[in-house]
C-alpha atoms as a PDB file:
ATOM      1  CA  MET A   1      25.450  11.992  -8.405  1.00  0.00           C
ATOM      2  CA  SER A   2      22.453  14.275  -8.168  1.00  0.00           C
ATOM      3  CA  ALA A   3      21.906  17.570  -6.152  1.00  0.00           C
ATOM      4  CA  ASN A   4      20.188  15.339  -3.692  1.00  0.00           C
ATOM      5  CA  SER A   5      23.136  13.035  -2.941  1.00  0.00           C
ATOM      6  CA  ALA A   6      25.354  12.163  -0.206  1.00  0.00           C
ATOM      7  CA  ASP A   7      29.043  11.218  -0.121  1.00  0.00           C
ATOM      8  CA  PRO A   8      29.885   7.362   0.008  1.00  0.00           C
ATOM      9  CA  GLY A   9      30.877   6.376   3.537  1.00  0.00           C
ATOM     10  CA  SER A  10      28.321   8.894   5.061  1.00  0.00           C
ATOM     11  CA  ARG A  11      25.724   7.722   7.345  1.00  0.00           C
ATOM     12  CA  LEU A  12      21.909   7.998   6.260  1.00  0.00           C
ATOM     13  CA  ASP A  13      18.787   7.132   8.095  1.00  0.00           C
ATOM     14  CA  VAL A  14      16.624   4.930   6.019  1.00  0.00           C
ATOM     15  CA  VAL A  15      12.986   6.007   6.855  1.00  0.00           C
ATOM     16  CA  LEU A  16      10.209   3.355   5.604  1.00  0.00           C
ATOM     17  CA  VAL A  17       6.795   5.017   5.383  1.00  0.00           C
ATOM     18  CA  LYS A  18       3.519   3.252   5.339  1.00  0.00           C
ATOM     19  CA  ALA A  19       0.283   4.583   4.954  1.00  0.00           C
ATOM     20  CA  GLY A  20       1.658   8.158   5.774  1.00  0.00           C
ATOM     21  CA  ARG A  21       3.279   6.938   8.994  1.00  0.00           C
ATOM     22  CA  THR A  22       7.006   6.058   9.688  1.00  0.00           C
ATOM     23  CA  LYS A  23       6.931   2.298  10.069  1.00  0.00           C
ATOM     24  CA  LEU A  24      10.817   1.908  10.409  1.00  0.00           C
ATOM     25  CA  ARG A  25      13.694   4.072  10.747  1.00  0.00           C
ATOM     26  CA  TYR A  26      17.286   2.784  11.126  1.00  0.00           C
ATOM     27  CA  PRO A  27      20.839   4.005  10.327  1.00  0.00           C
ATOM     28  CA  ALA A  28      22.646   2.961   7.139  1.00  0.00           C
ATOM     29  CA  GLU A  29      25.922   3.538   5.528  1.00  0.00           C
ATOM     30  CA  LEU A  30      25.639   4.757   1.943  1.00  0.00           C
ATOM     31  CA  LEU A  31      27.996   2.756  -0.275  1.00  0.00           C
ATOM     32  CA  ALA A  32      27.132   4.428  -3.524  1.00  0.00           C
ATOM     33  CA  ASP A  33      24.742   7.017  -5.280  1.00  0.00           C
ATOM     34  CA  ASP A  34      24.772   7.385  -8.988  1.00  0.00           C
ATOM     35  CA  GLY A  35      21.961   9.858  -9.143  1.00  0.00           C
ATOM     36  CA  THR A  36      19.529   7.181  -9.823  1.00  0.00           C
ATOM     37  CA  ARG A  37      20.321   4.349  -7.827  1.00  0.00           C
ATOM     38  CA  VAL A  38      21.144   4.544  -3.948  1.00  0.00           C
ATOM     39  CA  VAL A  39      23.013   1.535  -2.104  1.00  0.00           C
ATOM     40  CA  VAL A  40      23.540   1.258   1.481  1.00  0.00           C
ATOM     41  CA  ARG A  41      24.316  -1.122   3.827  1.00  0.00           C
ATOM     42  CA  ALA A  42      22.763  -1.646   7.336  1.00  0.00           C
ATOM     43  CA  PRO A  43      22.684  -4.214  10.040  1.00  0.00           C
ATOM     44  CA  PHE A  44      19.266  -5.934  10.709  1.00  0.00           C
ATOM     45  CA  ALA A  45      17.481  -3.331  12.611  1.00  0.00           C
ATOM     46  CA  GLY A  46      15.546  -5.701  14.924  1.00  0.00           C
ATOM     47  CA  ALA A  47      16.545  -6.476  18.428  1.00  0.00           C
ATOM     48  CA  GLN A  48      15.024  -9.941  18.230  1.00  0.00           C
ATOM     49  CA  ALA A  49      15.012 -12.481  15.246  1.00  0.00           C
ATOM     50  CA  ARG A  50      11.999 -12.564  12.937  1.00  0.00           C
ATOM     51  CA  ASP A  51      11.261 -15.900  11.610  1.00  0.00           C
ATOM     52  CA  PHE A  52       8.877 -15.619   8.516  1.00  0.00           C
ATOM     53  CA  GLY A  53       8.966 -19.393   7.977  1.00  0.00           C
ATOM     54  CA  PHE A  54      10.981 -19.265   4.702  1.00  0.00           C
ATOM     55  CA  VAL A  55      13.697 -17.025   6.012  1.00  0.00           C
ATOM     56  CA  ARG A  56      14.749 -15.557   9.655  1.00  0.00           C
ATOM     57  CA  PHE A  57      16.143 -11.990   9.924  1.00  0.00           C
ATOM     58  CA  GLU A  58      18.539 -12.127  12.802  1.00  0.00           C
ATOM     59  CA  PRO A  59      20.716  -9.916  14.911  1.00  0.00           C
ATOM     60  CA  GLY A  60      24.253  -9.837  13.075  1.00  0.00           C
ATOM     61  CA  ASP A  61      22.546 -10.196   9.724  1.00  0.00           C
ATOM     62  CA  VAL A  62      23.629  -7.448   7.098  1.00  0.00           C
ATOM     63  CA  PHE A  63      21.530  -6.035   4.325  1.00  0.00           C
ATOM     64  CA  THR A  64      22.966  -4.403   1.286  1.00  0.00           C
ATOM     65  CA  GLU A  65      19.815  -2.419   0.062  1.00  0.00           C
ATOM     66  CA  HIS A  66      19.352  -1.011  -3.310  1.00  0.00           C
ATOM     67  CA  TYR A  67      16.888   1.978  -4.063  1.00  0.00           C
ATOM     68  CA  TRP A  68      15.949   3.642  -7.104  1.00  0.00           C
ATOM     69  CA  ARG A  69      14.820   7.006  -7.592  1.00  0.00           C
ATOM     70  CA  ASP A  70      12.867   6.025 -11.020  1.00  0.00           C
ATOM     71  CA  ARG A  71      11.640   2.459 -10.138  1.00  0.00           C
ATOM     72  CA  TRP A  72       8.987   1.181  -7.932  1.00  0.00           C
ATOM     73  CA  TYR A  73      11.063  -1.366  -5.890  1.00  0.00           C
ATOM     74  CA  ALA A  74      13.823  -1.748  -3.510  1.00  0.00           C
ATOM     75  CA  VAL A  75      16.129  -5.146  -3.527  1.00  0.00           C
ATOM     76  CA  LYS A  76      17.826  -6.133  -0.291  1.00  0.00           C
ATOM     77  CA  GLU A  77      20.532  -8.545  -0.309  1.00  0.00           C
ATOM     78  CA  LEU A  78      20.476 -10.522   2.967  1.00  0.00           C
ATOM     79  CA  ARG A  79      23.885 -12.114   4.381  1.00  0.00           C
ATOM     80  CA  ASP A  80      24.211 -13.527   7.760  1.00  0.00           C
ATOM     81  CA  ALA A  81      26.969 -12.491  10.403  1.00  0.00           C
ATOM     82  CA  GLN A  82      29.726 -14.743   8.683  1.00  0.00           C
ATOM     83  CA  GLY A  83      28.774 -13.246   5.384  1.00  0.00           C
ATOM     84  CA  VAL A  84      26.806 -16.240   3.701  1.00  0.00           C
ATOM     85  CA  LEU A  85      24.092 -15.065   1.347  1.00  0.00           C
ATOM     86  CA  LYS A  86      20.684 -16.154   2.626  1.00  0.00           C
ATOM     87  CA  GLY A  87      18.655 -14.419  -0.295  1.00  0.00           C
ATOM     88  CA  TRP A  88      16.983 -11.014  -1.361  1.00  0.00           C
ATOM     89  CA  TYR A  89      14.127  -9.444   0.021  1.00  0.00           C
ATOM     90  CA  CYS A  90      12.393  -6.998  -2.452  1.00  0.00           C
ATOM     91  CA  ASP A  91      10.005  -4.484  -1.370  1.00  0.00           C
ATOM     92  CA  VAL A  92       7.436  -2.787  -3.732  1.00  0.00           C
ATOM     93  CA  ALA A  93       7.724   1.065  -2.971  1.00  0.00           C
ATOM     94  CA  ARG A  94       7.279   4.420  -4.654  1.00  0.00           C
ATOM     95  CA  PRO A  95      10.598   5.624  -5.939  1.00  0.00           C
ATOM     96  CA  ALA A  96      12.962   6.420  -3.282  1.00  0.00           C
ATOM     97  CA  VAL A  97      13.769  10.005  -2.188  1.00  0.00           C
ATOM     98  CA  LEU A  98      16.872  11.216  -0.691  1.00  0.00           C
ATOM     99  CA  THR A  99      16.821  14.390   1.120  1.00  0.00           C
ATOM    100  CA  GLY A 100      19.754  15.479   3.177  1.00  0.00           C
ATOM    101  CA  SER A 101      20.707  12.564   5.256  1.00  0.00           C
ATOM    102  CA  GLU A 102      17.278  10.840   4.990  1.00  0.00           C
ATOM    103  CA  LEU A 103      16.470   8.203   2.291  1.00  0.00           C
ATOM    104  CA  VAL A 104      12.561   8.129   2.531  1.00  0.00           C
ATOM    105  CA  VAL A 105      10.690   5.084   0.840  1.00  0.00           C
ATOM    106  CA  GLU A 106       6.973   4.622   0.817  1.00  0.00           C
ATOM    107  CA  ASP A 107       6.290   0.941   1.210  1.00  0.00           C
ATOM    108  CA  LEU A 108       3.225  -0.225  -0.935  1.00  0.00           C
ATOM    109  CA  ASP A 109       2.711  -3.708   0.755  1.00  0.00           C
ATOM    110  CA  LEU A 110       3.749  -5.984  -1.872  1.00  0.00           C
ATOM    111  CA  ASP A 111       7.145  -7.936  -1.386  1.00  0.00           C
ATOM    112  CA  LEU A 112       9.113 -10.787  -3.136  1.00  0.00           C
ATOM    113  CA  TRP A 113      11.623 -13.311  -1.475  1.00  0.00           C
ATOM    114  CA  ARG A 114      14.201 -15.083  -3.648  1.00  0.00           C
ATOM    115  CA  SER A 115      16.446 -17.670  -1.648  1.00  0.00           C
ATOM    116  CA  ALA A 116      20.012 -17.524  -2.261  1.00  0.00           C
ATOM    117  CA  ASP A 117      19.872 -20.735  -4.380  1.00  0.00           C
ATOM    118  CA  GLY A 118      16.812 -19.350  -6.435  1.00  0.00           C
ATOM    119  CA  SER A 119      14.843 -22.531  -5.440  1.00  0.00           C
ATOM    120  CA  ASP A 120      12.241 -20.343  -3.640  1.00  0.00           C
ATOM    121  CA  VAL A 121      10.527 -17.349  -5.189  1.00  0.00           C
ATOM    122  CA  ARG A 122       7.547 -16.063  -3.641  1.00  0.00           C
ATOM    123  CA  ARG A 123       5.317 -13.190  -3.741  1.00  0.00           C
ATOM    124  CA  LEU A 124       4.304 -11.877  -0.455  1.00  0.00           C
ATOM    125  CA  ASP A 125       1.441  -9.827   1.175  1.00  0.00           C
ATOM    126  CA  GLU A 126      -1.010  -9.519  -1.883  1.00  0.00           C
ATOM    127  CA  ASP A 127      -3.779  -9.575   0.457  1.00  0.00           C
ATOM    128  CA  GLU A 128      -2.334  -6.706   2.539  1.00  0.00           C
ATOM    129  CA  PHE A 129      -2.169  -4.783  -0.753  1.00  0.00           C
ATOM    130  CA  ALA A 130      -5.628  -5.703  -1.840  1.00  0.00           C
ATOM    131  CA  ASP A 131      -6.805  -4.409   1.578  1.00  0.00           C
ATOM    132  CA  SER A 132      -4.867  -1.369   1.460  1.00  0.00           C
ATOM    133  CA  GLY A 133      -7.454   0.693  -1.003  1.00  0.00           C
ATOM    134  CA  LEU A 134      -4.557   1.982  -3.111  1.00  0.00           C
ATOM    135  CA  SER A 135      -6.260   0.482  -6.245  1.00  0.00           C
ATOM    136  CA  GLU A 136      -9.342   2.784  -5.498  1.00  0.00           C
ATOM    137  CA  ALA A 137      -7.446   5.698  -4.075  1.00  0.00           C
ATOM    138  CA  ASP A 138      -4.490   5.829  -6.732  1.00  0.00           C
ATOM    139  CA  PRO A 139      -4.931   3.508  -9.731  1.00  0.00           C
ATOM    140  CA  PRO A 140      -1.847   4.577 -11.460  1.00  0.00           C
ATOM    141  CA  ALA A 141       0.193   3.859  -8.286  1.00  0.00           C
ATOM    142  CA  ALA A 142      -1.247   0.498  -7.829  1.00  0.00           C
ATOM    143  CA  ALA A 143      -0.864  -0.317 -11.371  1.00  0.00           C
ATOM    144  CA  ALA A 144       2.897   0.600 -11.048  1.00  0.00           C
ATOM    145  CA  ALA A 145       3.017  -1.491  -7.869  1.00  0.00           C
ATOM    146  CA  VAL A 146       1.713  -4.544  -9.422  1.00  0.00           C
ATOM    147  CA  ALA A 147       4.107  -3.987 -12.668  1.00  0.00           C
ATOM    148  CA  ALA A 148       7.017  -3.881 -10.158  1.00  0.00           C
ATOM    149  CA  LEU A 149       6.117  -7.110  -8.368  1.00  0.00           C
ATOM    150  CA  ASP A 150       5.927  -8.856 -11.829  1.00  0.00           C
ATOM    151  CA  THR A 151       9.240  -7.195 -12.922  1.00  0.00           C
ATOM    152  CA  LEU A 152      10.746  -8.489  -9.561  1.00  0.00           C
ATOM    153  CA  GLU A 153       9.400 -12.010  -9.947  1.00  0.00           C
ATOM    154  CA  ARG A 154      10.619 -12.182 -13.578  1.00  0.00           C
ATOM    155  CA  LEU A 155      14.090 -11.092 -12.504  1.00  0.00           C
ATOM    156  CA  ALA A 156      14.157 -13.501  -9.668  1.00  0.00           C
ATOM    157  CA  ARG A 157      13.270 -16.532 -11.784  1.00  0.00           C
ATOM    158  CA  GLY A 158      15.166 -15.625 -14.637  1.00  0.00           C
ATOM    159  CA  GLY A 159      18.449 -16.086 -12.843  1.00  0.00           C
ATOM    160  CA  GLY A 160      18.489 -13.558 -10.287  1.00  0.00           C
ATOM    161  CA  PHE A 161      19.469  -9.853  -9.649  1.00  0.00           C
ATOM    162  CA  ASP A 162      22.843  -9.952 -10.766  1.00  0.00           C
ATOM    163  CA  ALA A 163      22.506  -7.724 -13.777  1.00  0.00           C
ATOM    164  CA  LEU A 164      20.161  -5.305 -11.771  1.00  0.00           C
ATOM    165  CA  LEU A 165      22.495  -4.795  -9.134  1.00  0.00           C
ATOM    166  CA  HIS A 166      26.052  -4.721 -10.766  1.00  0.00           C
END
């Protein structure tokens, strides 16, 4: 573990930042931290269900979230209250930073969904990314974000995330 790590079983706050502002903050249990990858488990943070059309996030759902300190994405396994796998929601984000009991992740708008059976792999929010101005403000970050989305899609279509997450 790195100097900036916490003990498994401890509580962390996951802080999702977008455009310099906190978008979402929620408690999570630290499952593992090997110095590069941080894995947490958290219940769905919303009070009400969110229906995206291709998946519903519902109270009782549980996310096992994988963040990297050296990669521009996070992969979140989603299971329902009974433990049935719904799929993986992936965020393109700057590498995660763990400071004390806060895991801070800067969301870069791009996302990817892969259903449990792999029949539905979709890139999300490319229009938001284009409108964000990141390509003009920070071209290297924008290029890293697009490359991360391409990598996630390749993994999702190539059999899933098992090798990446285990």
